[in-house]
């Protein structure tokens, strides 16, 4: 089982909301979501929590790809532009400071045209607990 399969099958919040990890390689994790009616807020735009959940899954993918359990301890999101019904959003996560206990990530969320929708910065706590995804099948 890959880290992508592990998170896509195990993260129920993301799965229930149509969010999935599509790639983890070369120090970059990518997660995607198509904005559906269930993602819209009262103003008809994609709800901020849906965008944050997309970014959070990408962050989980890149940090947990180390093989040890990582959990987010601090995240900050800035919304640059609204997303609309039908948009395909992509969250691209990279670790910019690979501290052994507190890795720092930057996640950029863009739409299908490459327009920046949101930027997330996050700090994780790297636990000394190996993730053995092979035994979790």
N, C-alpha and C. Protein backbone atom coordinates (compact mmCIF):
# COMPACT_ATOMS: atom_id res chain seq x y z
N UNK A 1 0.85 -1.18 0.00
CA UNK A 1 0.00 0.00 0.00
C UNK A 1 0.89 1.24 0.00
N UNK A 2 0.59 2.19 -0.84
CA UNK A 2 1.34 3.44 -0.90
C UNK A 2 0.78 4.44 0.10
N UNK A 3 1.51 5.52 0.33
CA UNK A 3 1.00 6.57 1.22
C UNK A 3 -0.27 7.18 0.62
N UNK A 4 -0.34 7.25 -0.70
CA UNK A 4 -1.55 7.76 -1.35
C UNK A 4 -2.75 6.86 -1.03
N UNK A 5 -2.57 5.56 -1.19
CA UNK A 5 -3.65 4.62 -0.90
C UNK A 5 -4.02 4.64 0.58
N UNK A 6 -3.02 4.73 1.43
CA UNK A 6 -3.24 4.77 2.88
C UNK A 6 -4.12 5.95 3.27
N UNK A 7 -3.77 7.14 2.77
CA UNK A 7 -4.55 8.34 3.12
C UNK A 7 -5.90 8.37 2.41
N UNK A 8 -5.94 7.98 1.15
CA UNK A 8 -7.22 8.01 0.42
C UNK A 8 -8.24 7.05 1.00
N UNK A 9 -7.78 5.94 1.55
CA UNK A 9 -8.73 4.99 2.15
C UNK A 9 -8.96 5.27 3.63
N UNK A 10 -8.00 5.88 4.30
CA UNK A 10 -8.09 6.06 5.75
C UNK A 10 -8.61 7.40 6.21
N UNK A 11 -8.48 8.43 5.41
CA UNK A 11 -8.95 9.77 5.81
C UNK A 11 -10.40 9.91 5.37
N UNK A 12 -11.30 9.59 6.27
CA UNK A 12 -12.73 9.57 5.94
C UNK A 12 -13.27 10.96 5.62
N UNK A 13 -12.79 11.99 6.33
CA UNK A 13 -13.26 13.36 6.08
C UNK A 13 -12.96 13.75 4.63
N UNK A 14 -11.73 13.52 4.21
CA UNK A 14 -11.35 13.86 2.84
C UNK A 14 -12.14 13.02 1.83
N UNK A 15 -12.21 11.72 2.07
CA UNK A 15 -12.90 10.83 1.13
C UNK A 15 -14.37 11.21 0.99
N UNK A 16 -15.03 11.51 2.09
CA UNK A 16 -16.45 11.88 2.05
C UNK A 16 -16.69 13.18 1.31
N UNK A 17 -15.62 13.98 1.16
CA UNK A 17 -15.76 15.27 0.50
C UNK A 17 -15.10 15.31 -0.87
N UNK A 18 -14.80 14.13 -1.42
CA UNK A 18 -14.28 14.05 -2.78
C UNK A 18 -12.86 14.54 -2.94
N UNK A 19 -12.08 14.50 -1.87
CA UNK A 19 -10.69 14.96 -1.89
C UNK A 19 -9.78 13.74 -1.87
N UNK A 20 -8.77 13.76 -2.74
CA UNK A 20 -7.86 12.62 -2.76
C UNK A 20 -6.43 13.06 -3.06
N UNK A 21 -5.48 12.29 -2.52
CA UNK A 21 -4.07 12.47 -2.84
C UNK A 21 -3.84 11.81 -4.19
N UNK A 22 -3.25 12.54 -5.11
CA UNK A 22 -3.01 11.97 -6.44
C UNK A 22 -1.55 11.63 -6.68
N UNK A 23 -0.64 12.24 -5.91
CA UNK A 23 0.78 11.98 -6.15
C UNK A 23 1.61 12.39 -4.93
N UNK A 24 2.60 11.55 -4.63
CA UNK A 24 3.62 11.89 -3.64
C UNK A 24 4.95 11.41 -4.21
N UNK A 25 5.75 12.36 -4.69
CA UNK A 25 7.05 11.99 -5.25
C UNK A 25 7.94 13.23 -5.34
N UNK A 26 9.24 12.97 -5.30
CA UNK A 26 10.24 14.03 -5.44
C UNK A 26 10.02 15.19 -4.47
N UNK A 27 9.60 14.88 -3.24
CA UNK A 27 9.42 15.90 -2.22
C UNK A 27 8.20 16.77 -2.36
N UNK A 28 7.24 16.34 -3.19
CA UNK A 28 6.02 17.11 -3.43
C UNK A 28 4.82 16.18 -3.31
N UNK A 29 3.79 16.65 -2.62
CA UNK A 29 2.53 15.91 -2.55
C UNK A 29 1.45 16.74 -3.21
N UNK A 30 0.58 16.06 -3.95
CA UNK A 30 -0.51 16.74 -4.64
C UNK A 30 -1.83 16.07 -4.27
N UNK A 31 -2.80 16.92 -3.93
CA UNK A 31 -4.16 16.45 -3.66
C UNK A 31 -5.12 17.29 -4.50
N UNK A 32 -6.24 16.69 -4.90
CA UNK A 32 -7.19 17.38 -5.76
C UNK A 32 -8.63 17.26 -5.27
N UNK A 33 -9.45 18.20 -5.74
CA UNK A 33 -10.87 18.21 -5.41
C UNK A 33 -11.58 19.02 -6.49
N UNK A 34 -12.70 18.51 -6.95
CA UNK A 34 -13.57 19.29 -7.83
C UNK A 34 -14.67 19.90 -6.98
N UNK A 35 -14.86 21.21 -7.09
CA UNK A 35 -15.86 21.91 -6.29
C UNK A 35 -17.25 21.49 -6.75
N UNK A 36 -17.99 20.90 -5.81
CA UNK A 36 -19.36 20.45 -6.06
C UNK A 36 -20.32 21.27 -5.20
N UNK A 37 -21.62 21.07 -5.40
CA UNK A 37 -22.62 21.81 -4.61
C UNK A 37 -22.41 21.64 -3.11
N UNK A 38 -21.98 20.45 -2.70
CA UNK A 38 -21.78 20.20 -1.27
C UNK A 38 -20.65 21.04 -0.67
N UNK A 39 -19.80 21.62 -1.51
CA UNK A 39 -18.68 22.43 -1.04
C UNK A 39 -19.01 23.92 -0.96
N UNK A 40 -20.18 24.32 -1.41
CA UNK A 40 -20.50 25.75 -1.50
C UNK A 40 -21.01 26.32 -0.19
N UNK A 41 -20.62 27.57 0.06
CA UNK A 41 -21.15 28.29 1.23
C UNK A 41 -22.41 29.05 0.82
N UNK A 42 -22.96 29.81 1.73
CA UNK A 42 -24.22 30.52 1.46
C UNK A 42 -24.06 31.58 0.38
N UNK A 43 -22.84 32.03 0.14
CA UNK A 43 -22.59 33.02 -0.90
C UNK A 43 -22.34 32.43 -2.28
N UNK A 44 -22.42 31.09 -2.37
CA UNK A 44 -22.25 30.42 -3.65
C UNK A 44 -20.81 30.16 -4.04
N UNK A 45 -19.89 30.40 -3.12
CA UNK A 45 -18.46 30.15 -3.36
C UNK A 45 -18.05 28.89 -2.60
N UNK A 46 -16.90 28.34 -2.96
CA UNK A 46 -16.39 27.17 -2.24
C UNK A 46 -16.10 27.58 -0.79
N UNK A 47 -16.63 26.82 0.13
CA UNK A 47 -16.47 27.09 1.55
C UNK A 47 -14.99 26.95 1.94
N UNK A 48 -14.51 27.87 2.76
CA UNK A 48 -13.11 27.87 3.16
C UNK A 48 -12.65 26.59 3.82
N UNK A 49 -13.53 25.95 4.56
CA UNK A 49 -13.18 24.69 5.22
C UNK A 49 -12.87 23.58 4.23
N UNK A 50 -13.55 23.59 3.09
CA UNK A 50 -13.28 22.58 2.06
C UNK A 50 -11.89 22.80 1.46
N UNK A 51 -11.54 24.07 1.22
CA UNK A 51 -10.22 24.39 0.69
C UNK A 51 -9.15 24.02 1.70
N UNK A 52 -9.40 24.31 2.97
CA UNK A 52 -8.44 23.97 4.02
C UNK A 52 -8.27 22.45 4.13
N UNK A 53 -9.35 21.70 4.04
CA UNK A 53 -9.26 20.25 4.12
C UNK A 53 -8.43 19.69 2.97
N UNK A 54 -8.59 20.25 1.78
CA UNK A 54 -7.78 19.86 0.64
C UNK A 54 -6.30 20.09 0.94
N UNK A 55 -5.96 21.27 1.41
CA UNK A 55 -4.56 21.59 1.74
C UNK A 55 -4.03 20.71 2.86
N UNK A 56 -4.86 20.46 3.85
CA UNK A 56 -4.46 19.63 4.98
C UNK A 56 -4.11 18.21 4.55
N UNK A 57 -4.86 17.66 3.60
CA UNK A 57 -4.56 16.31 3.12
C UNK A 57 -3.23 16.29 2.37
N UNK A 58 -2.96 17.31 1.58
CA UNK A 58 -1.67 17.38 0.88
C UNK A 58 -0.53 17.48 1.89
N UNK A 59 -0.74 18.27 2.92
CA UNK A 59 0.27 18.40 3.98
C UNK A 59 0.49 17.07 4.68
N UNK A 60 -0.57 16.37 4.99
CA UNK A 60 -0.45 15.05 5.63
C UNK A 60 0.32 14.09 4.74
N UNK A 61 0.07 14.16 3.45
CA UNK A 61 0.75 13.24 2.52
C UNK A 61 2.25 13.48 2.50
N UNK A 62 2.67 14.75 2.37
CA UNK A 62 4.10 15.00 2.27
C UNK A 62 4.81 14.72 3.60
N UNK A 63 4.21 15.08 4.70
CA UNK A 63 4.88 14.88 5.99
C UNK A 63 4.90 13.41 6.41
N UNK A 64 3.84 12.69 6.15
CA UNK A 64 3.81 11.28 6.53
C UNK A 64 4.55 10.38 5.55
N UNK A 65 4.93 10.92 4.40
CA UNK A 65 5.71 10.13 3.45
C UNK A 65 7.11 9.82 3.99
N UNK A 66 7.48 10.48 5.08
CA UNK A 66 8.78 10.21 5.73
C UNK A 66 8.82 8.82 6.34
N UNK A 67 7.65 8.23 6.59
CA UNK A 67 7.59 6.92 7.21
C UNK A 67 7.26 6.97 8.69
N UNK A 68 7.34 8.15 9.30
CA UNK A 68 6.95 8.33 10.70
C UNK A 68 5.67 9.14 10.76
N UNK A 69 4.87 8.88 11.79
CA UNK A 69 3.61 9.59 11.97
C UNK A 69 3.88 11.06 12.25
N UNK A 70 3.25 11.92 11.47
CA UNK A 70 3.30 13.37 11.66
C UNK A 70 1.89 13.87 11.87
N UNK A 71 1.74 14.83 12.76
CA UNK A 71 0.44 15.47 12.97
C UNK A 71 0.63 16.98 12.90
N UNK A 72 -0.33 17.66 12.33
CA UNK A 72 -0.27 19.12 12.23
C UNK A 72 -0.46 19.72 13.62
N UNK A 73 0.36 20.72 13.94
CA UNK A 73 0.19 21.41 15.23
C UNK A 73 -0.15 22.89 15.04
N UNK A 74 0.10 23.42 13.84
CA UNK A 74 -0.23 24.82 13.57
C UNK A 74 -0.35 25.00 12.06
N UNK A 75 -1.42 25.68 11.65
CA UNK A 75 -1.61 25.98 10.23
C UNK A 75 -2.22 27.37 10.10
N UNK A 76 -1.83 28.05 9.03
CA UNK A 76 -2.38 29.36 8.74
C UNK A 76 -2.76 29.37 7.26
N UNK A 77 -3.96 29.83 6.97
CA UNK A 77 -4.42 29.87 5.58
C UNK A 77 -4.75 31.30 5.19
N UNK A 78 -4.35 31.66 3.98
CA UNK A 78 -4.71 32.94 3.38
C UNK A 78 -5.45 32.63 2.09
N UNK A 79 -6.65 33.20 1.96
CA UNK A 79 -7.44 33.02 0.75
C UNK A 79 -7.16 34.20 -0.18
N UNK A 80 -6.77 33.90 -1.41
CA UNK A 80 -6.43 34.93 -2.38
C UNK A 80 -7.57 35.20 -3.36
N UNK A 81 -8.32 34.18 -3.68
CA UNK A 81 -9.40 34.28 -4.67
C UNK A 81 -10.42 33.19 -4.37
N UNK A 82 -11.66 33.44 -4.70
CA UNK A 82 -12.69 32.45 -4.47
C UNK A 82 -12.67 31.35 -5.52
N UNK A 83 -13.14 30.19 -5.11
CA UNK A 83 -13.31 29.07 -6.04
C UNK A 83 -14.80 28.87 -6.25
N UNK A 84 -15.15 28.43 -7.45
CA UNK A 84 -16.56 28.32 -7.83
C UNK A 84 -16.94 26.88 -8.20
N UNK A 85 -18.22 26.67 -8.26
CA UNK A 85 -18.77 25.37 -8.64
C UNK A 85 -18.11 24.91 -9.95
N UNK A 86 -17.62 23.68 -9.95
CA UNK A 86 -17.00 23.10 -11.14
C UNK A 86 -15.49 23.28 -11.22
N UNK A 87 -14.93 24.18 -10.41
CA UNK A 87 -13.48 24.35 -10.42
C UNK A 87 -12.80 23.08 -9.93
N UNK A 88 -11.67 22.76 -10.53
CA UNK A 88 -10.83 21.67 -10.04
C UNK A 88 -9.67 22.31 -9.29
N UNK A 89 -9.61 22.03 -8.00
CA UNK A 89 -8.58 22.61 -7.16
C UNK A 89 -7.46 21.60 -6.92
N UNK A 90 -6.24 22.10 -6.94
CA UNK A 90 -5.06 21.28 -6.70
C UNK A 90 -4.26 21.89 -5.57
N UNK A 91 -3.95 21.09 -4.57
CA UNK A 91 -3.08 21.52 -3.46
C UNK A 91 -1.73 20.87 -3.66
N UNK A 92 -0.69 21.69 -3.70
CA UNK A 92 0.67 21.21 -3.87
C UNK A 92 1.45 21.53 -2.61
N UNK A 93 1.93 20.49 -1.93
CA UNK A 93 2.60 20.65 -0.64
C UNK A 93 4.07 20.29 -0.74
N UNK A 94 4.89 21.12 -0.10
CA UNK A 94 6.33 20.87 -0.02
C UNK A 94 6.80 21.18 1.39
N UNK A 95 7.75 20.40 1.87
CA UNK A 95 8.40 20.71 3.14
C UNK A 95 9.51 21.70 2.83
N UNK A 96 9.46 22.86 3.44
CA UNK A 96 10.48 23.88 3.18
C UNK A 96 11.55 23.92 4.27
N UNK A 97 11.26 23.33 5.41
CA UNK A 97 12.24 23.21 6.48
C UNK A 97 12.06 21.83 7.10
N UNK A 98 13.02 20.95 6.83
CA UNK A 98 12.88 19.56 7.26
C UNK A 98 13.46 19.34 8.65
N UNK A 99 13.00 20.12 9.60
CA UNK A 99 13.42 19.93 10.99
C UNK A 99 13.02 18.53 11.43
N UNK A 100 13.88 17.81 12.16
CA UNK A 100 13.55 16.42 12.50
C UNK A 100 12.30 16.24 13.36
N UNK A 101 11.93 17.24 14.16
CA UNK A 101 10.73 17.12 14.99
C UNK A 101 9.60 18.05 14.54
N UNK A 102 9.94 19.17 13.87
CA UNK A 102 8.94 20.18 13.52
C UNK A 102 9.07 20.60 12.05
N UNK A 103 8.75 19.70 11.12
CA UNK A 103 8.85 20.09 9.71
C UNK A 103 7.84 21.19 9.37
N UNK A 104 8.28 22.13 8.53
CA UNK A 104 7.46 23.26 8.10
C UNK A 104 7.09 23.08 6.64
N UNK A 105 5.83 23.30 6.32
CA UNK A 105 5.32 23.09 4.96
C UNK A 105 4.70 24.36 4.40
N UNK A 106 4.75 24.44 3.08
CA UNK A 106 3.96 25.44 2.36
C UNK A 106 3.10 24.68 1.36
N UNK A 107 1.82 25.01 1.37
CA UNK A 107 0.87 24.38 0.47
C UNK A 107 0.20 25.47 -0.35
N UNK A 108 0.24 25.33 -1.67
CA UNK A 108 -0.42 26.28 -2.55
C UNK A 108 -1.61 25.58 -3.19
N UNK A 109 -2.76 26.23 -3.14
CA UNK A 109 -3.97 25.71 -3.76
C UNK A 109 -4.27 26.57 -4.98
N UNK A 110 -4.37 25.90 -6.13
CA UNK A 110 -4.64 26.59 -7.39
C UNK A 110 -5.87 25.97 -8.06
N UNK A 111 -6.45 26.71 -9.00
CA UNK A 111 -7.56 26.15 -9.77
C UNK A 111 -7.02 25.58 -11.08
N UNK A 112 -7.93 25.12 -11.92
CA UNK A 112 -7.56 24.46 -13.17
C UNK A 112 -6.82 25.38 -14.14
N UNK A 113 -6.89 26.68 -13.92
CA UNK A 113 -6.19 27.64 -14.78
C UNK A 113 -4.86 28.08 -14.17
N UNK A 114 -4.50 27.49 -13.01
CA UNK A 114 -3.26 27.86 -12.35
C UNK A 114 -3.37 29.10 -11.48
N UNK A 115 -4.58 29.61 -11.29
CA UNK A 115 -4.79 30.79 -10.47
C UNK A 115 -4.65 30.40 -8.99
N UNK A 116 -3.88 31.19 -8.24
CA UNK A 116 -3.67 30.91 -6.82
C UNK A 116 -4.95 31.22 -6.04
N UNK A 117 -5.49 30.21 -5.38
CA UNK A 117 -6.72 30.33 -4.59
C UNK A 117 -6.40 30.56 -3.12
N UNK A 118 -5.42 29.82 -2.60
CA UNK A 118 -5.06 29.93 -1.18
C UNK A 118 -3.63 29.47 -0.97
N UNK A 119 -3.02 30.00 0.09
CA UNK A 119 -1.71 29.57 0.53
C UNK A 119 -1.82 29.17 1.99
N UNK A 120 -1.25 28.02 2.31
CA UNK A 120 -1.27 27.52 3.69
C UNK A 120 0.16 27.29 4.14
N UNK A 121 0.46 27.73 5.36
CA UNK A 121 1.72 27.36 5.98
C UNK A 121 1.38 26.47 7.16
N UNK A 122 2.21 25.46 7.36
CA UNK A 122 1.91 24.52 8.44
C UNK A 122 3.15 23.98 9.11
N UNK A 123 3.01 23.75 10.39
CA UNK A 123 4.05 23.11 11.17
C UNK A 123 3.49 21.79 11.66
N UNK A 124 4.27 20.75 11.51
CA UNK A 124 3.88 19.42 11.97
C UNK A 124 4.75 19.00 13.15
N UNK A 125 4.25 18.02 13.88
CA UNK A 125 5.05 17.39 14.92
C UNK A 125 5.33 15.97 14.46
N UNK A 126 6.60 15.67 14.30
CA UNK A 126 7.01 14.33 13.85
C UNK A 126 7.17 13.43 15.07
N UNK A 127 6.26 12.48 15.18
CA UNK A 127 6.32 11.54 16.30
C UNK A 127 7.33 10.44 15.99
N UNK A 128 7.82 9.83 16.99
CA UNK A 128 8.77 8.72 16.82
C UNK A 128 8.00 7.40 16.73
N UNK A 129 6.98 7.41 15.85
CA UNK A 129 6.13 6.24 15.65
C UNK A 129 6.14 5.91 14.17
N UNK A 130 6.75 4.82 13.78
CA UNK A 130 6.76 4.47 12.36
C UNK A 130 5.37 4.14 11.86
N UNK A 131 5.10 4.58 10.63
CA UNK A 131 3.86 4.19 9.96
C UNK A 131 4.21 2.98 9.12
N UNK A 132 3.62 1.86 9.45
CA UNK A 132 3.85 0.66 8.66
C UNK A 132 2.60 0.41 7.84
N UNK A 133 2.53 1.12 6.71
CA UNK A 133 1.31 1.04 5.91
C UNK A 133 1.06 -0.34 5.35
N UNK A 134 2.09 -1.16 5.29
CA UNK A 134 1.90 -2.52 4.78
C UNK A 134 1.04 -3.37 5.72
N UNK A 135 1.09 -3.06 7.01
CA UNK A 135 0.32 -3.87 7.96
C UNK A 135 -1.08 -3.31 8.19
N UNK A 136 -1.41 -2.19 7.59
CA UNK A 136 -2.71 -1.57 7.79
C UNK A 136 -3.72 -1.92 6.72
N UNK A 137 -3.37 -2.82 5.83
CA UNK A 137 -4.29 -3.18 4.74
C UNK A 137 -5.47 -3.96 5.27
